[in-house]
Amino acid sequence: MENTIILTGGGTAGHVSVNINLQDELKRHFKNIIYIGSKNGIEKELIKTRTSYEFREITTVKFDRRKLFKNFSIPCKLRKGIKEAKKILKEVNPSVIFSKGGYVGLPVVIAGKKLGIPVIAHESDLTMGLANRIAKKYASKICTNFKITAEQNGNKCIHTGMPLKSSSLSKENAKQKLGIISAKPVLLITGGSLGAKAINEFIFKNIDSLTKKYFVYHIVGKNNLNSKIKNQSYIQTEFSNEMTTIYRASDYAISRAGANTIFELLSNKVLTIFVPLPKAASRGDQIENAKFMEDAGLSLTCQQEDLSIEKMQNLLNELEKYTLIYKNAINNANFVDGTENIMNIILNETKTPSK
């Protein structure tokens, strides 16, 4: 058994989920698992509530595409974060660092490289994000969800997939566990860990129309609950630690198009309409992810600016009409659990700690 592994990454739940899903395997190989994250980021809450990892805090800074003047502070804060990460790394002397990506992991990746610690990163999206494009200089290997991402980004990149979790419950038992007492098809709504205001408002406005045909299970994100809605075919929750149960219970989904969510939904055979985050609010990665999956015949896409009840009902009707075709395409896509692939790379790159 190796000594210590450092995990890092954050900003959204997608930048933490792989680290959480690897938990059982990491415990088999490492005596100590330490997570380095930001002081007030979502990763702190997720790691403390869903894992037994020790959590350490550093200063982090995010590139802001909408308020460019805020980016002037990046060099100073990044240097501070690197210094703080170095202090932690020298103290715990890890054998390897695994970064899930995002701005939270960047100071740790740079500090690790400077100290001669092997660094492995993971890229979820079809195109590499800014943090991982920078991290590529410092990492020995980059794991990817998409095969084409690895093919287009050089020898450091290896297609591994992502750790995938599924429930052993039957669909009926999963529904009962979630409090769903209905014969209607279950429609899952999720905007990611932070919620999605446009999707939430669309659902709140049209819930009575949607529940004529579906039981709607709505993950609204933190502080986004709507107490005004009273509907027996509707459940809303801020966040859930029971996502595998929710996927098992769901027939259809309307979702943002973060890569981890895409792979989790489709690998669990949930027929999905993706509503990607608009390019004005992102680097366009979700639009690319959703297009790739739609072009492969695995899902449908509705751009946020096109959201309407008529459009959404037509898309849901299409999924229902061609259910067998979509499910066959998903089965043939052969979504592979990437746990073993990622663990092999981590262990191959792990060094024996100095005394």
Protein backbone atom coordinates (compact mmCIF):
# COMPACT_ATOMS: atom_id res chain seq x y z
CA MET A 1 0.00 0.00 0.00
CA GLU A 2 1.31 3.46 -0.94
CA ASN A 3 1.62 6.30 1.54
CA THR A 4 -0.31 9.44 0.52
CA ILE A 5 -2.25 10.71 -2.50
CA ILE A 6 -3.33 14.29 -2.96
CA LEU A 7 -6.64 14.91 -4.72
CA THR A 8 -7.71 18.31 -6.00
CA GLY A 9 -10.13 20.07 -8.32
CA GLY A 10 -13.32 22.02 -7.87
CA GLY A 11 -15.58 24.90 -8.74
CA THR A 12 -18.52 22.67 -9.63
CA ALA A 13 -19.61 19.19 -8.53
CA GLY A 14 -18.40 17.91 -11.90
CA HIS A 15 -14.86 18.82 -10.89
CA VAL A 16 -15.21 16.71 -7.75
CA SER A 17 -17.31 13.73 -8.81
CA VAL A 18 -14.51 11.60 -10.24
CA ASN A 19 -12.49 12.03 -7.03
CA ILE A 20 -15.54 10.93 -5.04
CA ASN A 21 -16.32 7.97 -7.30
CA LEU A 22 -12.74 6.70 -6.97
CA GLN A 23 -13.04 6.59 -3.19
CA ASP A 24 -13.30 2.81 -2.71
CA GLU A 25 -10.36 2.03 -4.98
CA LEU A 26 -8.17 4.81 -3.57
CA LYS A 27 -8.67 3.44 -0.06
CA ARG A 28 -7.38 0.06 -1.21
CA HIS A 29 -4.09 1.55 -2.39
CA PHE A 30 -3.31 4.61 -0.24
CA LYS A 31 -3.01 4.95 3.53
CA ASN A 32 -3.74 8.67 3.45
CA ILE A 33 -6.06 10.55 1.08
CA ILE A 34 -5.92 14.33 1.34
CA TYR A 35 -8.09 16.71 -0.69
CA ILE A 36 -6.84 20.22 -1.36
CA GLY A 37 -9.58 22.66 -2.31
CA SER A 38 -10.77 26.23 -1.99
CA LYS A 39 -11.94 27.78 1.25
CA ASN A 40 -15.56 28.37 0.24
CA GLY A 41 -16.04 26.19 -2.84
CA ILE A 42 -18.60 23.44 -3.37
CA GLU A 43 -15.83 20.83 -3.18
CA LYS A 44 -15.39 21.48 0.55
CA GLU A 45 -18.99 20.57 1.33
CA LEU A 46 -19.03 17.57 -1.02
CA ILE A 47 -15.78 16.11 0.26
CA LYS A 48 -16.74 16.53 3.91
CA THR A 49 -20.22 15.04 3.49
CA ARG A 50 -19.56 12.29 0.93
CA THR A 51 -16.05 11.04 1.69
CA SER A 52 -13.66 10.31 4.54
CA TYR A 53 -10.88 12.34 2.90
CA GLU A 54 -8.96 14.90 4.95
CA PHE A 55 -9.62 18.39 3.54
CA ARG A 56 -7.02 21.19 3.32
CA GLU A 57 -7.69 24.75 2.11
CA ILE A 58 -5.74 27.04 -0.21
CA THR A 59 -6.36 30.34 -2.01
CA THR A 60 -7.84 29.88 -5.49
CA VAL A 61 -8.84 32.24 -8.27
CA LYS A 62 -11.10 31.81 -11.29
CA PHE A 63 -10.83 33.41 -14.72
CA ASP A 64 -14.00 35.49 -15.23
CA ARG A 65 -15.13 35.69 -18.86
CA ARG A 66 -17.81 38.29 -18.14
CA LYS A 67 -15.96 40.69 -15.83
CA LEU A 68 -12.49 40.83 -17.30
CA PHE A 69 -11.25 43.53 -14.92
CA LYS A 70 -11.52 41.01 -12.08
CA ASN A 71 -8.80 38.92 -13.75
CA PHE A 72 -6.07 41.45 -12.89
CA SER A 73 -5.81 39.81 -9.46
CA ILE A 74 -5.17 36.33 -10.87
CA PRO A 75 -1.33 36.35 -10.89
CA CYS A 76 -1.10 37.50 -7.27
CA LYS A 77 -3.72 35.06 -5.96
CA LEU A 78 -2.30 32.21 -8.03
CA ARG A 79 1.16 32.76 -6.57
CA LYS A 80 -0.36 32.76 -3.09
CA GLY A 81 -2.25 29.53 -3.82
CA ILE A 82 0.90 27.85 -5.16
CA LYS A 83 2.84 28.89 -2.04
CA GLU A 84 0.09 27.50 0.23
CA ALA A 85 -0.10 24.27 -1.79
CA LYS A 86 3.70 23.85 -1.62
CA LYS A 87 3.58 24.14 2.16
CA ILE A 88 0.98 21.37 2.39
CA LEU A 89 2.79 19.13 -0.09
CA LYS A 90 6.11 19.46 1.76
CA GLU A 91 4.37 18.60 5.02
CA VAL A 92 2.54 15.45 3.82
CA ASN A 93 5.10 14.27 1.20
CA PRO A 94 2.60 12.62 -1.20
CA SER A 95 3.43 9.90 -3.70
CA VAL A 96 1.21 11.37 -6.42
CA ILE A 97 -1.30 14.15 -7.17
CA PHE A 98 -4.58 13.57 -9.03
CA SER A 99 -6.40 16.69 -10.25
CA LYS A 100 -9.93 16.59 -11.59
CA GLY A 101 -9.44 19.96 -13.23
CA GLY A 102 -10.98 23.37 -12.79
CA TYR A 103 -9.29 26.45 -11.40
CA VAL A 104 -9.16 24.98 -7.88
CA GLY A 105 -6.63 22.34 -8.87
CA LEU A 106 -4.21 24.56 -10.78
CA PRO A 107 -2.10 25.87 -7.85
CA VAL A 108 -1.70 22.30 -6.56
CA VAL A 109 -0.67 20.99 -9.98
CA ILE A 110 1.97 23.72 -10.43
CA ALA A 111 3.28 23.31 -6.88
CA GLY A 112 3.47 19.54 -7.31
CA LYS A 113 5.51 19.80 -10.48
CA LYS A 114 7.92 22.24 -8.85
CA LEU A 115 8.45 19.76 -6.01
CA GLY A 116 8.97 16.79 -8.33
CA ILE A 117 5.71 15.03 -7.42
CA PRO A 118 4.00 13.10 -10.27
CA VAL A 119 0.82 14.88 -11.40
CA ILE A 120 -2.12 13.30 -13.23
CA ALA A 121 -5.12 15.34 -14.38
CA HIS A 122 -8.54 14.38 -15.70
CA GLU A 123 -10.45 16.24 -18.43
CA SER A 124 -14.18 15.57 -18.67
CA ASP A 125 -15.20 17.73 -21.61
CA LEU A 126 -14.80 17.22 -25.33
CA THR A 127 -12.42 20.18 -25.51
CA MET A 128 -9.88 20.85 -22.80
CA GLY A 129 -10.67 23.62 -20.33
CA LEU A 130 -8.32 26.52 -19.60
CA ALA A 131 -7.10 25.08 -16.28
CA ASN A 132 -6.22 21.73 -17.84
CA ARG A 133 -4.62 23.37 -20.87
CA ILE A 134 -2.26 25.06 -18.42
CA ALA A 135 -1.97 21.93 -16.27
CA LYS A 136 -0.90 19.93 -19.31
CA LYS A 137 2.55 21.57 -19.05
CA TYR A 138 2.96 20.27 -15.51
CA ALA A 139 1.19 16.89 -15.63
CA SER A 140 2.76 13.60 -16.63
CA LYS A 141 -0.59 12.24 -17.86
CA ILE A 142 -4.05 13.65 -18.68
CA CYS A 143 -7.00 11.22 -18.53
CA THR A 144 -9.98 12.02 -20.77
CA ASN A 145 -13.68 11.11 -20.93
CA PHE A 146 -13.83 11.38 -24.72
CA LYS A 147 -11.57 9.33 -26.99
CA ILE A 148 -11.30 12.18 -29.49
CA THR A 149 -9.98 14.52 -26.76
CA ALA A 150 -7.03 12.23 -26.15
CA GLU A 151 -6.38 11.80 -29.87
CA GLN A 152 -6.24 15.56 -30.46
CA ASN A 153 -4.07 16.60 -27.51
CA GLY A 154 -0.82 14.68 -27.72
CA ASN A 155 0.90 11.74 -26.08
CA LYS A 156 0.27 12.88 -22.52
CA CYS A 157 -3.47 12.34 -23.00
CA ILE A 158 -5.00 8.90 -22.49
CA HIS A 159 -8.65 7.99 -23.02
CA THR A 160 -9.83 6.40 -19.77
CA GLY A 161 -13.49 7.33 -19.47
CA MET A 162 -14.86 8.24 -16.05
CA PRO A 163 -15.79 6.19 -13.00
CA LEU A 164 -19.43 5.24 -13.46
CA LYS A 165 -21.84 4.29 -10.71
CA SER A 166 -25.15 2.50 -11.08
CA SER A 167 -27.82 1.35 -8.66
CA SER A 168 -28.65 -2.30 -7.97
CA LEU A 169 -32.24 -1.33 -7.15
CA SER A 170 -35.12 -2.14 -9.46
CA LYS A 171 -36.85 0.86 -11.03
CA GLU A 172 -39.85 0.43 -8.74
CA ASN A 173 -37.71 0.17 -5.60
CA ALA A 174 -35.74 3.23 -6.67
CA LYS A 175 -38.98 5.18 -7.10
CA GLN A 176 -40.23 4.07 -3.70
CA LYS A 177 -36.94 5.12 -2.07
CA LEU A 178 -37.37 8.60 -3.55
CA GLY A 179 -41.01 8.89 -2.50
CA ILE A 180 -42.36 8.66 -6.06
CA ILE A 181 -45.78 7.04 -5.95
CA SER A 182 -46.99 7.32 -9.53
CA ALA A 183 -47.41 5.23 -12.67
CA LYS A 184 -46.33 8.19 -14.83
CA PRO A 185 -42.91 8.16 -16.51
CA VAL A 186 -40.35 9.94 -14.35
CA LEU A 187 -38.80 13.09 -15.83
CA LEU A 188 -35.61 14.21 -14.10
CA ILE A 189 -34.67 17.90 -14.24
CA THR A 190 -31.13 18.88 -13.28
CA GLY A 191 -29.07 21.98 -13.91
CA GLY A 192 -25.87 20.73 -12.31
CA SER A 193 -24.58 21.29 -8.79
CA LEU A 194 -25.15 25.05 -8.86
CA GLY A 195 -28.57 24.81 -10.45
CA ALA A 196 -29.59 26.48 -13.68
CA LYS A 197 -31.78 29.56 -13.35
CA ALA A 198 -33.20 29.42 -16.88
CA ILE A 199 -34.12 25.73 -16.61
CA ASN A 200 -35.58 26.18 -13.13
CA GLU A 201 -37.73 29.11 -14.20
CA PHE A 202 -38.92 27.19 -17.26
CA ILE A 203 -39.94 24.22 -15.11
CA PHE A 204 -41.61 26.37 -12.44
CA LYS A 205 -43.63 28.14 -15.14
CA ASN A 206 -44.67 24.97 -16.97
CA ILE A 207 -44.90 22.38 -14.20
CA ASP A 208 -48.65 21.89 -14.56
CA SER A 209 -48.31 21.14 -18.27
CA LEU A 210 -45.40 18.72 -17.76
CA THR A 211 -47.05 16.82 -14.91
CA LYS A 212 -50.08 15.96 -17.03
CA LYS A 213 -47.89 13.24 -18.52
CA TYR A 214 -44.81 12.95 -16.29
CA PHE A 215 -43.82 12.74 -12.65
CA VAL A 216 -41.17 15.46 -12.40
CA TYR A 217 -38.19 15.07 -10.06
CA HIS A 218 -36.42 18.41 -10.00
CA ILE A 219 -32.93 19.09 -8.60
CA VAL A 220 -32.98 22.88 -8.35
CA GLY A 221 -29.53 23.65 -6.87
CA LYS A 222 -28.64 25.37 -3.63
CA ASN A 223 -31.07 28.05 -2.38
CA ASN A 224 -33.37 27.64 -5.41
CA LEU A 225 -36.37 25.85 -3.89
CA ASN A 226 -39.79 27.22 -4.90
CA SER A 227 -42.24 26.82 -2.01
CA LYS A 228 -45.15 28.17 -4.06
CA ILE A 229 -45.53 25.03 -6.17
CA LYS A 230 -48.04 22.49 -4.89
CA ASN A 231 -48.29 19.52 -7.23
CA GLN A 232 -48.65 15.83 -6.36
CA SER A 233 -46.61 14.80 -9.40
CA TYR A 234 -43.63 16.95 -8.51
CA ILE A 235 -40.70 16.69 -6.10
CA GLN A 236 -37.99 19.32 -5.80
CA THR A 237 -34.72 19.14 -3.89
CA GLU A 238 -31.64 21.36 -3.74
CA PHE A 239 -29.08 18.60 -4.14
CA SER A 240 -28.93 14.85 -3.72
CA ASN A 241 -26.39 12.27 -2.57
CA GLU A 242 -28.60 9.59 -4.13
CA MET A 243 -27.95 10.27 -7.81
CA THR A 244 -27.59 6.60 -8.79
CA THR A 245 -31.04 5.95 -7.28
CA ILE A 246 -32.46 8.98 -9.11
CA TYR A 247 -31.00 7.81 -12.44
CA ARG A 248 -32.43 4.34 -11.85
CA ALA A 249 -35.89 5.78 -11.22
CA SER A 250 -35.84 8.15 -14.22
CA ASP A 251 -37.13 7.47 -17.72
CA TYR A 252 -36.28 10.87 -19.22
CA ALA A 253 -34.21 13.89 -18.27
CA ILE A 254 -33.81 17.56 -19.10
CA SER A 255 -30.30 18.52 -18.10
CA ARG A 256 -27.34 20.83 -18.51
CA ALA A 257 -24.58 19.28 -20.59
CA GLY A 258 -21.58 19.03 -18.32
CA ALA A 259 -19.62 15.99 -19.47
CA ASN A 260 -19.80 14.03 -16.23
CA THR A 261 -23.57 14.45 -16.08
CA ILE A 262 -23.86 13.38 -19.72
CA PHE A 263 -21.92 10.17 -19.12
CA GLU A 264 -23.81 9.40 -15.91
CA LEU A 265 -27.23 9.91 -17.51
CA LEU A 266 -26.53 7.99 -20.70
CA SER A 267 -24.65 5.13 -19.05
CA ASN A 268 -27.71 4.70 -16.81
CA LYS A 269 -29.93 4.57 -19.94
CA VAL A 270 -31.83 7.79 -19.18
CA LEU A 271 -33.14 9.32 -22.42
CA THR A 272 -32.09 12.94 -22.24
CA ILE A 273 -32.65 16.40 -23.71
CA PHE A 274 -29.58 18.51 -23.00
CA VAL A 275 -29.91 22.27 -22.51
CA PRO A 276 -26.28 23.40 -22.63
CA LEU A 277 -25.00 26.46 -20.84
CA PRO A 278 -24.96 29.29 -23.43
CA LYS A 279 -21.61 30.40 -24.81
CA ALA A 280 -22.12 33.88 -23.38
CA ALA A 281 -21.90 32.35 -19.90
CA SER A 282 -19.18 29.78 -20.60
CA ARG A 283 -16.41 28.76 -22.98
CA GLY A 284 -18.95 26.79 -25.03
CA ASP A 285 -17.90 23.36 -23.77
CA GLN A 286 -21.44 22.25 -22.94
CA ILE A 287 -22.65 23.18 -26.42
CA GLU A 288 -19.86 21.05 -27.92
CA ASN A 289 -20.59 18.14 -25.55
CA ALA A 290 -24.30 18.16 -26.35
CA LYS A 291 -23.74 18.41 -30.12
CA PHE A 292 -21.31 15.49 -30.05
CA MET A 293 -23.85 13.29 -28.26
CA GLU A 294 -26.75 14.37 -30.47
CA ASP A 295 -24.71 13.78 -33.65
CA ALA A 296 -23.97 10.28 -32.33
CA GLY A 297 -27.72 9.64 -32.02
CA LEU A 298 -27.58 9.31 -28.24
CA SER A 299 -29.64 12.31 -27.12
CA LEU A 300 -31.40 15.51 -28.17
CA THR A 301 -30.50 19.15 -27.62
CA CYS A 302 -32.50 22.31 -26.93
CA GLN A 303 -30.56 25.57 -26.82
CA GLN A 304 -31.48 27.73 -23.84
CA GLU A 305 -32.75 30.57 -26.05
CA ASP A 306 -35.18 28.10 -27.68
CA LEU A 307 -36.76 26.90 -24.44
CA SER A 308 -40.54 26.73 -24.74
CA ILE A 309 -43.13 24.24 -23.55
CA GLU A 310 -44.05 23.40 -27.14
CA LYS A 311 -40.45 22.73 -28.11
CA MET A 312 -39.79 20.62 -25.01
CA GLN A 313 -42.95 18.55 -25.41
CA ASN A 314 -42.06 17.85 -29.05
CA LEU A 315 -38.58 16.69 -28.04
CA LEU A 316 -39.94 14.51 -25.24
CA ASN A 317 -42.44 13.01 -27.67
CA GLU A 318 -39.58 12.22 -30.06
CA LEU A 319 -37.65 10.42 -27.32
CA GLU A 320 -40.76 8.43 -26.45
CA LYS A 321 -41.55 7.58 -30.08
CA TYR A 322 -38.02 6.40 -30.83
CA THR A 323 -37.16 4.97 -27.42
CA LEU A 324 -35.82 1.68 -28.79
CA ILE A 325 -33.60 3.46 -31.31
CA TYR A 326 -32.08 5.74 -28.66
CA LYS A 327 -31.61 2.89 -26.18
CA ASN A 328 -29.93 0.73 -28.83
CA ALA A 329 -27.59 3.60 -29.68
CA ILE A 330 -26.72 4.04 -26.00
CA ASN A 331 -26.11 0.30 -25.60
CA ASN A 332 -23.88 0.26 -28.68
CA ALA A 333 -21.92 3.28 -27.41
CA ASN A 334 -20.61 0.95 -24.70
CA PHE A 335 -20.02 3.44 -21.89
CA VAL A 336 -17.13 1.88 -19.98
CA ASP A 337 -16.46 2.37 -16.27
CA GLY A 338 -13.15 4.22 -16.25
CA THR A 339 -12.24 3.38 -12.63
CA GLU A 340 -9.70 0.68 -13.45
CA ASN A 341 -8.12 2.69 -16.28
CA ILE A 342 -7.64 5.77 -14.09
CA MET A 343 -6.35 3.78 -11.13
CA ASN A 344 -3.80 2.00 -13.31
CA ILE A 345 -2.42 5.35 -14.48
CA ILE A 346 -2.32 6.73 -10.93
CA LEU A 347 -0.46 3.68 -9.64
CA ASN A 348 1.92 3.56 -12.59
CA GLU A 349 2.90 7.19 -12.03
CA THR A 350 3.13 6.95 -8.23
CA LYS A 351 6.62 7.42 -6.77
CA THR A 352 7.98 5.96 -3.57
CA PRO A 353 7.98 8.81 -1.02
CA SER A 354 11.30 9.96 0.39
CA LYS A 355 11.90 9.36 4.07
